[in-house]
């Protein structure tokens, strides 16, 4: 049996809980920028948490929050490029779809002609 679990993206309120848990930070000068980025970019809470986790004893809240901002900006750019690529491919897909439809119509016409010819020969 398949189970489908709806996972929402991380929004600012959830981010604040994660920042408190991972960095023990309740407010920071970068929160405004992070809020803006989270409104513009979809990222899972797990990915946000991964960016907030210090990777060494030398990493402080500033480094982790800047890493999150960089990751959000990279994700936004990746999504933008994918959308541009899809838009660029759209005419090609439409042309292929139209060609397949024309070929299907031609094949049906040929089959109808064959059947008509066979019927004419029988009678």
N, C-alpha and C. Protein backbone atom coordinates (compact mmCIF):
# COMPACT_ATOMS: atom_id res chain seq x y z
N UNK A 1 0.84 -1.17 0.00
CA UNK A 1 0.00 0.00 0.00
C UNK A 1 0.89 1.24 0.00
N UNK A 2 0.55 2.20 -0.83
CA UNK A 2 1.32 3.45 -0.89
C UNK A 2 0.75 4.45 0.10
N UNK A 3 1.63 5.12 0.78
CA UNK A 3 1.24 6.23 1.64
C UNK A 3 1.80 7.50 1.05
N UNK A 4 0.98 8.50 0.98
CA UNK A 4 1.43 9.81 0.51
C UNK A 4 1.39 10.76 1.70
N UNK A 5 2.53 11.38 1.98
CA UNK A 5 2.63 12.31 3.09
C UNK A 5 2.87 13.69 2.52
N UNK A 6 2.01 14.62 2.83
CA UNK A 6 2.14 15.99 2.36
C UNK A 6 3.14 16.72 3.25
N UNK A 7 4.23 17.15 2.65
CA UNK A 7 5.24 17.89 3.38
C UNK A 7 5.25 19.32 2.86
N UNK A 8 5.06 20.25 3.75
CA UNK A 8 5.04 21.64 3.31
C UNK A 8 6.47 22.19 3.27
N UNK A 9 6.61 23.30 2.59
CA UNK A 9 7.91 23.95 2.54
C UNK A 9 8.10 24.78 3.81
N UNK A 10 9.33 25.07 4.08
CA UNK A 10 9.67 25.83 5.27
C UNK A 10 9.33 27.30 5.04
N UNK A 11 8.59 27.85 5.95
CA UNK A 11 8.28 29.29 5.93
C UNK A 11 8.96 29.94 7.13
N UNK A 12 8.84 31.23 7.24
CA UNK A 12 9.63 31.98 8.21
C UNK A 12 9.38 31.54 9.65
N UNK A 13 8.14 31.29 10.02
CA UNK A 13 7.85 30.89 11.39
C UNK A 13 8.53 29.57 11.73
N UNK A 14 8.50 28.62 10.81
CA UNK A 14 9.18 27.34 11.04
C UNK A 14 10.69 27.54 11.08
N UNK A 15 11.19 28.41 10.23
CA UNK A 15 12.62 28.72 10.24
C UNK A 15 13.06 29.23 11.61
N UNK A 16 12.26 30.11 12.21
CA UNK A 16 12.63 30.68 13.51
C UNK A 16 12.75 29.58 14.57
N UNK A 17 11.86 28.60 14.51
CA UNK A 17 11.93 27.47 15.45
C UNK A 17 13.23 26.69 15.21
N UNK A 18 13.53 26.44 13.93
CA UNK A 18 14.77 25.71 13.61
C UNK A 18 16.01 26.50 14.05
N UNK A 19 16.01 27.79 13.82
CA UNK A 19 17.16 28.62 14.20
C UNK A 19 17.33 28.61 15.72
N UNK A 20 16.24 28.63 16.45
CA UNK A 20 16.32 28.58 17.92
C UNK A 20 16.88 27.22 18.35
N UNK A 21 16.40 26.15 17.72
CA UNK A 21 16.85 24.80 18.10
C UNK A 21 18.30 24.53 17.74
N UNK A 22 18.72 24.94 16.54
CA UNK A 22 20.06 24.61 16.07
C UNK A 22 21.12 25.64 16.46
N UNK A 23 20.71 26.90 16.53
CA UNK A 23 21.71 27.96 16.77
C UNK A 23 21.49 28.72 18.07
N UNK A 24 20.38 28.43 18.74
CA UNK A 24 20.00 29.15 19.96
C UNK A 24 19.91 30.65 19.70
N UNK A 25 19.34 31.00 18.55
CA UNK A 25 19.18 32.39 18.13
C UNK A 25 17.70 32.68 17.94
N UNK A 26 17.23 33.76 18.58
CA UNK A 26 15.81 34.13 18.44
C UNK A 26 15.63 35.31 17.50
N UNK A 27 16.65 36.11 17.31
CA UNK A 27 16.60 37.26 16.40
C UNK A 27 18.01 37.49 15.86
N UNK A 28 18.07 38.01 14.64
CA UNK A 28 19.37 38.26 14.01
C UNK A 28 19.17 39.26 12.89
N UNK A 29 20.21 40.01 12.59
CA UNK A 29 20.12 41.03 11.53
C UNK A 29 19.83 40.42 10.16
N UNK A 30 20.12 39.13 9.96
CA UNK A 30 19.88 38.48 8.67
C UNK A 30 18.45 37.93 8.53
N UNK A 31 17.65 38.01 9.59
CA UNK A 31 16.30 37.45 9.54
C UNK A 31 15.44 38.08 8.44
N UNK A 32 15.60 39.36 8.21
CA UNK A 32 14.81 40.03 7.16
C UNK A 32 15.10 39.44 5.78
N UNK A 33 16.37 39.26 5.51
CA UNK A 33 16.76 38.69 4.22
C UNK A 33 16.32 37.23 4.11
N UNK A 34 16.43 36.50 5.20
CA UNK A 34 16.00 35.10 5.20
C UNK A 34 14.49 35.02 4.97
N UNK A 35 13.74 35.89 5.61
CA UNK A 35 12.28 35.91 5.43
C UNK A 35 11.94 36.13 3.96
N UNK A 36 12.60 37.11 3.35
CA UNK A 36 12.36 37.40 1.93
C UNK A 36 12.70 36.19 1.06
N UNK A 37 13.84 35.57 1.33
CA UNK A 37 14.26 34.41 0.54
C UNK A 37 13.27 33.24 0.69
N UNK A 38 12.79 33.00 1.90
CA UNK A 38 11.85 31.90 2.12
C UNK A 38 10.50 32.17 1.45
N UNK A 39 10.14 33.44 1.28
CA UNK A 39 8.90 33.78 0.58
C UNK A 39 9.06 33.57 -0.93
N UNK A 40 10.27 33.69 -1.43
CA UNK A 40 10.53 33.59 -2.87
C UNK A 40 10.95 32.19 -3.32
N UNK A 41 11.39 31.36 -2.38
CA UNK A 41 11.99 30.07 -2.73
C UNK A 41 11.41 28.97 -1.86
N UNK A 42 11.08 27.85 -2.47
CA UNK A 42 10.59 26.70 -1.73
C UNK A 42 11.76 25.83 -1.31
N UNK A 43 11.84 25.56 -0.01
CA UNK A 43 12.88 24.68 0.52
C UNK A 43 12.27 23.90 1.68
N UNK A 44 12.60 22.63 1.75
CA UNK A 44 12.04 21.80 2.81
C UNK A 44 12.64 22.18 4.16
N UNK A 45 11.90 21.92 5.24
CA UNK A 45 12.47 22.18 6.57
C UNK A 45 13.77 21.39 6.80
N UNK A 46 13.85 20.18 6.26
CA UNK A 46 15.07 19.38 6.42
C UNK A 46 16.26 20.07 5.76
N UNK A 47 16.06 20.64 4.57
CA UNK A 47 17.15 21.34 3.90
C UNK A 47 17.54 22.62 4.64
N UNK A 48 16.55 23.31 5.19
CA UNK A 48 16.85 24.50 6.00
C UNK A 48 17.67 24.08 7.21
N UNK A 49 17.22 23.03 7.89
CA UNK A 49 17.94 22.57 9.08
C UNK A 49 19.37 22.16 8.75
N UNK A 50 19.55 21.49 7.61
CA UNK A 50 20.91 21.08 7.21
C UNK A 50 21.83 22.29 7.07
N UNK A 51 21.30 23.38 6.52
CA UNK A 51 22.10 24.59 6.38
C UNK A 51 22.37 25.27 7.71
N UNK A 52 21.48 25.11 8.66
CA UNK A 52 21.64 25.76 9.96
C UNK A 52 22.58 25.01 10.90
N UNK A 53 22.79 23.74 10.64
CA UNK A 53 23.65 22.95 11.52
C UNK A 53 25.10 23.38 11.37
N UNK A 54 25.74 23.77 12.46
CA UNK A 54 27.16 24.10 12.38
C UNK A 54 27.96 22.87 11.96
N UNK A 55 28.87 23.04 11.03
CA UNK A 55 29.68 21.92 10.52
C UNK A 55 30.96 21.73 11.32
N UNK A 56 31.29 22.73 12.13
CA UNK A 56 32.48 22.62 12.99
C UNK A 56 32.28 23.54 14.19
N UNK A 57 33.17 23.44 15.14
CA UNK A 57 33.09 24.29 16.33
C UNK A 57 33.34 25.77 16.00
N UNK A 58 33.99 26.01 14.88
CA UNK A 58 34.31 27.39 14.49
C UNK A 58 33.14 28.11 13.84
N UNK A 59 32.13 27.37 13.40
CA UNK A 59 30.99 28.01 12.72
C UNK A 59 30.00 28.56 13.75
N UNK A 60 29.71 29.84 13.58
CA UNK A 60 28.74 30.48 14.47
C UNK A 60 27.44 30.74 13.72
N UNK A 61 26.51 31.40 14.37
CA UNK A 61 25.19 31.68 13.78
C UNK A 61 25.32 32.47 12.47
N UNK A 62 26.21 33.47 12.44
CA UNK A 62 26.40 34.27 11.21
C UNK A 62 26.73 33.38 10.02
N UNK A 63 27.68 32.49 10.20
CA UNK A 63 28.12 31.63 9.10
C UNK A 63 26.97 30.72 8.66
N UNK A 64 26.27 30.13 9.61
CA UNK A 64 25.17 29.22 9.27
C UNK A 64 24.03 29.95 8.58
N UNK A 65 23.69 31.13 9.06
CA UNK A 65 22.60 31.89 8.44
C UNK A 65 22.99 32.37 7.04
N UNK A 66 24.23 32.77 6.86
CA UNK A 66 24.71 33.16 5.52
C UNK A 66 24.71 31.97 4.57
N UNK A 67 25.07 30.80 5.09
CA UNK A 67 25.04 29.59 4.27
C UNK A 67 23.60 29.29 3.82
N UNK A 68 22.64 29.48 4.73
CA UNK A 68 21.23 29.27 4.38
C UNK A 68 20.81 30.25 3.28
N UNK A 69 21.15 31.50 3.43
CA UNK A 69 20.80 32.51 2.41
C UNK A 69 21.41 32.12 1.07
N UNK A 70 22.67 31.73 1.06
CA UNK A 70 23.33 31.32 -0.19
C UNK A 70 22.61 30.13 -0.81
N UNK A 71 22.26 29.16 0.01
CA UNK A 71 21.56 27.97 -0.49
C UNK A 71 20.18 28.33 -1.07
N UNK A 72 19.46 29.22 -0.39
CA UNK A 72 18.15 29.66 -0.89
C UNK A 72 18.31 30.40 -2.22
N UNK A 73 19.32 31.26 -2.33
CA UNK A 73 19.55 31.98 -3.58
C UNK A 73 19.94 31.03 -4.71
N UNK A 74 20.75 30.03 -4.40
CA UNK A 74 21.13 29.04 -5.42
C UNK A 74 19.92 28.24 -5.88
N UNK A 75 19.06 27.88 -4.94
CA UNK A 75 17.84 27.13 -5.30
C UNK A 75 16.92 27.98 -6.17
N UNK A 76 16.79 29.25 -5.83
CA UNK A 76 15.96 30.17 -6.62
C UNK A 76 16.51 30.27 -8.05
N UNK A 77 17.81 30.37 -8.19
CA UNK A 77 18.44 30.47 -9.51
C UNK A 77 18.24 29.17 -10.29
N UNK A 78 18.38 28.04 -9.62
CA UNK A 78 18.18 26.74 -10.27
C UNK A 78 16.75 26.62 -10.81
N UNK A 79 15.78 27.02 -10.01
CA UNK A 79 14.38 26.97 -10.43
C UNK A 79 14.15 27.92 -11.61
N UNK A 80 14.76 29.10 -11.57
CA UNK A 80 14.61 30.06 -12.66
C UNK A 80 15.17 29.50 -13.97
N UNK A 81 16.34 28.87 -13.88
CA UNK A 81 16.95 28.28 -15.08
C UNK A 81 16.11 27.13 -15.63
N UNK A 82 15.56 26.31 -14.74
CA UNK A 82 14.70 25.21 -15.20
C UNK A 82 13.46 25.76 -15.90
N UNK A 83 12.89 26.82 -15.37
CA UNK A 83 11.71 27.42 -15.99
C UNK A 83 12.05 27.99 -17.36
N UNK A 84 13.20 28.63 -17.48
CA UNK A 84 13.64 29.16 -18.78
C UNK A 84 13.84 28.02 -19.77
N UNK A 85 14.45 26.94 -19.32
CA UNK A 85 14.69 25.78 -20.19
C UNK A 85 13.37 25.18 -20.66
N UNK A 86 12.42 25.06 -19.76
CA UNK A 86 11.10 24.54 -20.13
C UNK A 86 10.42 25.45 -21.16
N UNK A 87 10.54 26.74 -20.96
CA UNK A 87 9.94 27.70 -21.89
C UNK A 87 10.60 27.60 -23.26
N UNK A 88 11.91 27.39 -23.26
CA UNK A 88 12.65 27.26 -24.53
C UNK A 88 12.25 25.99 -25.27
N UNK A 89 11.98 24.91 -24.51
CA UNK A 89 11.63 23.63 -25.12
C UNK A 89 10.18 23.55 -25.55
N UNK A 90 9.35 24.43 -25.07
CA UNK A 90 7.92 24.37 -25.36
C UNK A 90 7.60 24.35 -26.85
N UNK A 91 8.18 25.23 -27.69
CA UNK A 91 7.88 25.18 -29.13
C UNK A 91 8.27 23.85 -29.77
N UNK A 92 9.39 23.27 -29.33
CA UNK A 92 9.82 21.99 -29.88
C UNK A 92 8.84 20.88 -29.53
N UNK A 93 8.39 20.87 -28.27
CA UNK A 93 7.40 19.86 -27.85
C UNK A 93 6.10 20.03 -28.62
N UNK A 94 5.69 21.27 -28.82
CA UNK A 94 4.44 21.53 -29.54
C UNK A 94 4.57 21.08 -31.00
N UNK A 95 5.72 21.32 -31.61
CA UNK A 95 5.94 20.90 -33.00
C UNK A 95 5.91 19.37 -33.10
N UNK A 96 6.54 18.68 -32.14
CA UNK A 96 6.51 17.20 -32.15
C UNK A 96 5.09 16.68 -31.96
N UNK A 97 4.34 17.30 -31.06
CA UNK A 97 2.97 16.89 -30.82
C UNK A 97 2.12 17.06 -32.09
N UNK A 98 2.31 18.19 -32.76
CA UNK A 98 1.56 18.47 -33.98
C UNK A 98 1.93 17.47 -35.08
N UNK A 99 3.22 17.14 -35.19
CA UNK A 99 3.67 16.19 -36.20
C UNK A 99 3.09 14.81 -35.93
N UNK A 100 3.07 14.38 -34.67
CA UNK A 100 2.48 13.07 -34.33
C UNK A 100 1.00 13.04 -34.66
N UNK A 101 0.31 14.13 -34.38
CA UNK A 101 -1.12 14.20 -34.68
C UNK A 101 -1.36 14.11 -36.19
N UNK A 102 -0.53 14.82 -36.96
CA UNK A 102 -0.66 14.76 -38.42
C UNK A 102 -0.37 13.36 -38.94
N UNK A 103 0.66 12.72 -38.38
CA UNK A 103 0.99 11.35 -38.81
C UNK A 103 -0.13 10.39 -38.47
N UNK A 104 -0.75 10.55 -37.32
CA UNK A 104 -1.86 9.69 -36.91
C UNK A 104 -3.05 9.89 -37.85
N UNK A 105 -3.32 11.13 -38.21
CA UNK A 105 -4.42 11.42 -39.13
C UNK A 105 -4.15 10.81 -40.50
N UNK A 106 -2.92 10.93 -40.98
CA UNK A 106 -2.54 10.36 -42.27
C UNK A 106 -2.66 8.84 -42.24
N UNK A 107 -2.23 8.21 -41.15
CA UNK A 107 -2.30 6.76 -41.03
C UNK A 107 -3.76 6.30 -41.05
N UNK A 108 -4.62 7.01 -40.34
CA UNK A 108 -6.04 6.66 -40.34
C UNK A 108 -6.64 6.78 -41.73
N UNK A 109 -6.25 7.83 -42.44
CA UNK A 109 -6.75 8.02 -43.80
C UNK A 109 -6.27 6.89 -44.71
N UNK A 110 -5.01 6.49 -44.56
CA UNK A 110 -4.48 5.39 -45.36
C UNK A 110 -5.19 4.08 -45.04
N UNK A 111 -5.46 3.85 -43.76
CA UNK A 111 -6.17 2.64 -43.38
C UNK A 111 -7.60 2.64 -43.94
N UNK A 112 -8.25 3.79 -43.87
CA UNK A 112 -9.61 3.90 -44.41
C UNK A 112 -9.60 3.64 -45.92
N UNK A 113 -8.59 4.15 -46.60
CA UNK A 113 -8.46 3.94 -48.05
C UNK A 113 -8.24 2.47 -48.36
N UNK A 114 -7.42 1.79 -47.58
CA UNK A 114 -7.17 0.36 -47.76
C UNK A 114 -8.45 -0.43 -47.61
N UNK A 115 -9.19 -0.12 -46.55
CA UNK A 115 -10.45 -0.83 -46.30
C UNK A 115 -11.43 -0.60 -47.45
N UNK A 116 -11.51 0.64 -47.91
CA UNK A 116 -12.42 0.96 -49.02
C UNK A 116 -12.02 0.19 -50.27
N UNK A 117 -10.71 0.13 -50.54
CA UNK A 117 -10.22 -0.57 -51.71
C UNK A 117 -10.53 -2.07 -51.61
N UNK A 118 -10.32 -2.66 -50.42
CA UNK A 118 -10.61 -4.08 -50.23
C UNK A 118 -12.11 -4.37 -50.42
N UNK A 119 -12.92 -3.48 -49.91
CA UNK A 119 -14.37 -3.66 -50.05
C UNK A 119 -14.80 -3.53 -51.51
N UNK A 120 -14.20 -2.60 -52.23
CA UNK A 120 -14.52 -2.42 -53.63
C UNK A 120 -14.12 -3.65 -54.44
N UNK A 121 -12.97 -4.27 -54.07
CA UNK A 121 -12.51 -5.46 -54.77
C UNK A 121 -13.41 -6.67 -54.50
N UNK A 122 -13.95 -6.75 -53.27
CA UNK A 122 -14.81 -7.88 -52.90
C UNK A 122 -16.16 -7.79 -53.60
N UNK A 123 -16.65 -6.65 -53.86
CA UNK A 123 -17.97 -6.50 -54.43
C UNK A 123 -17.85 -6.08 -55.84
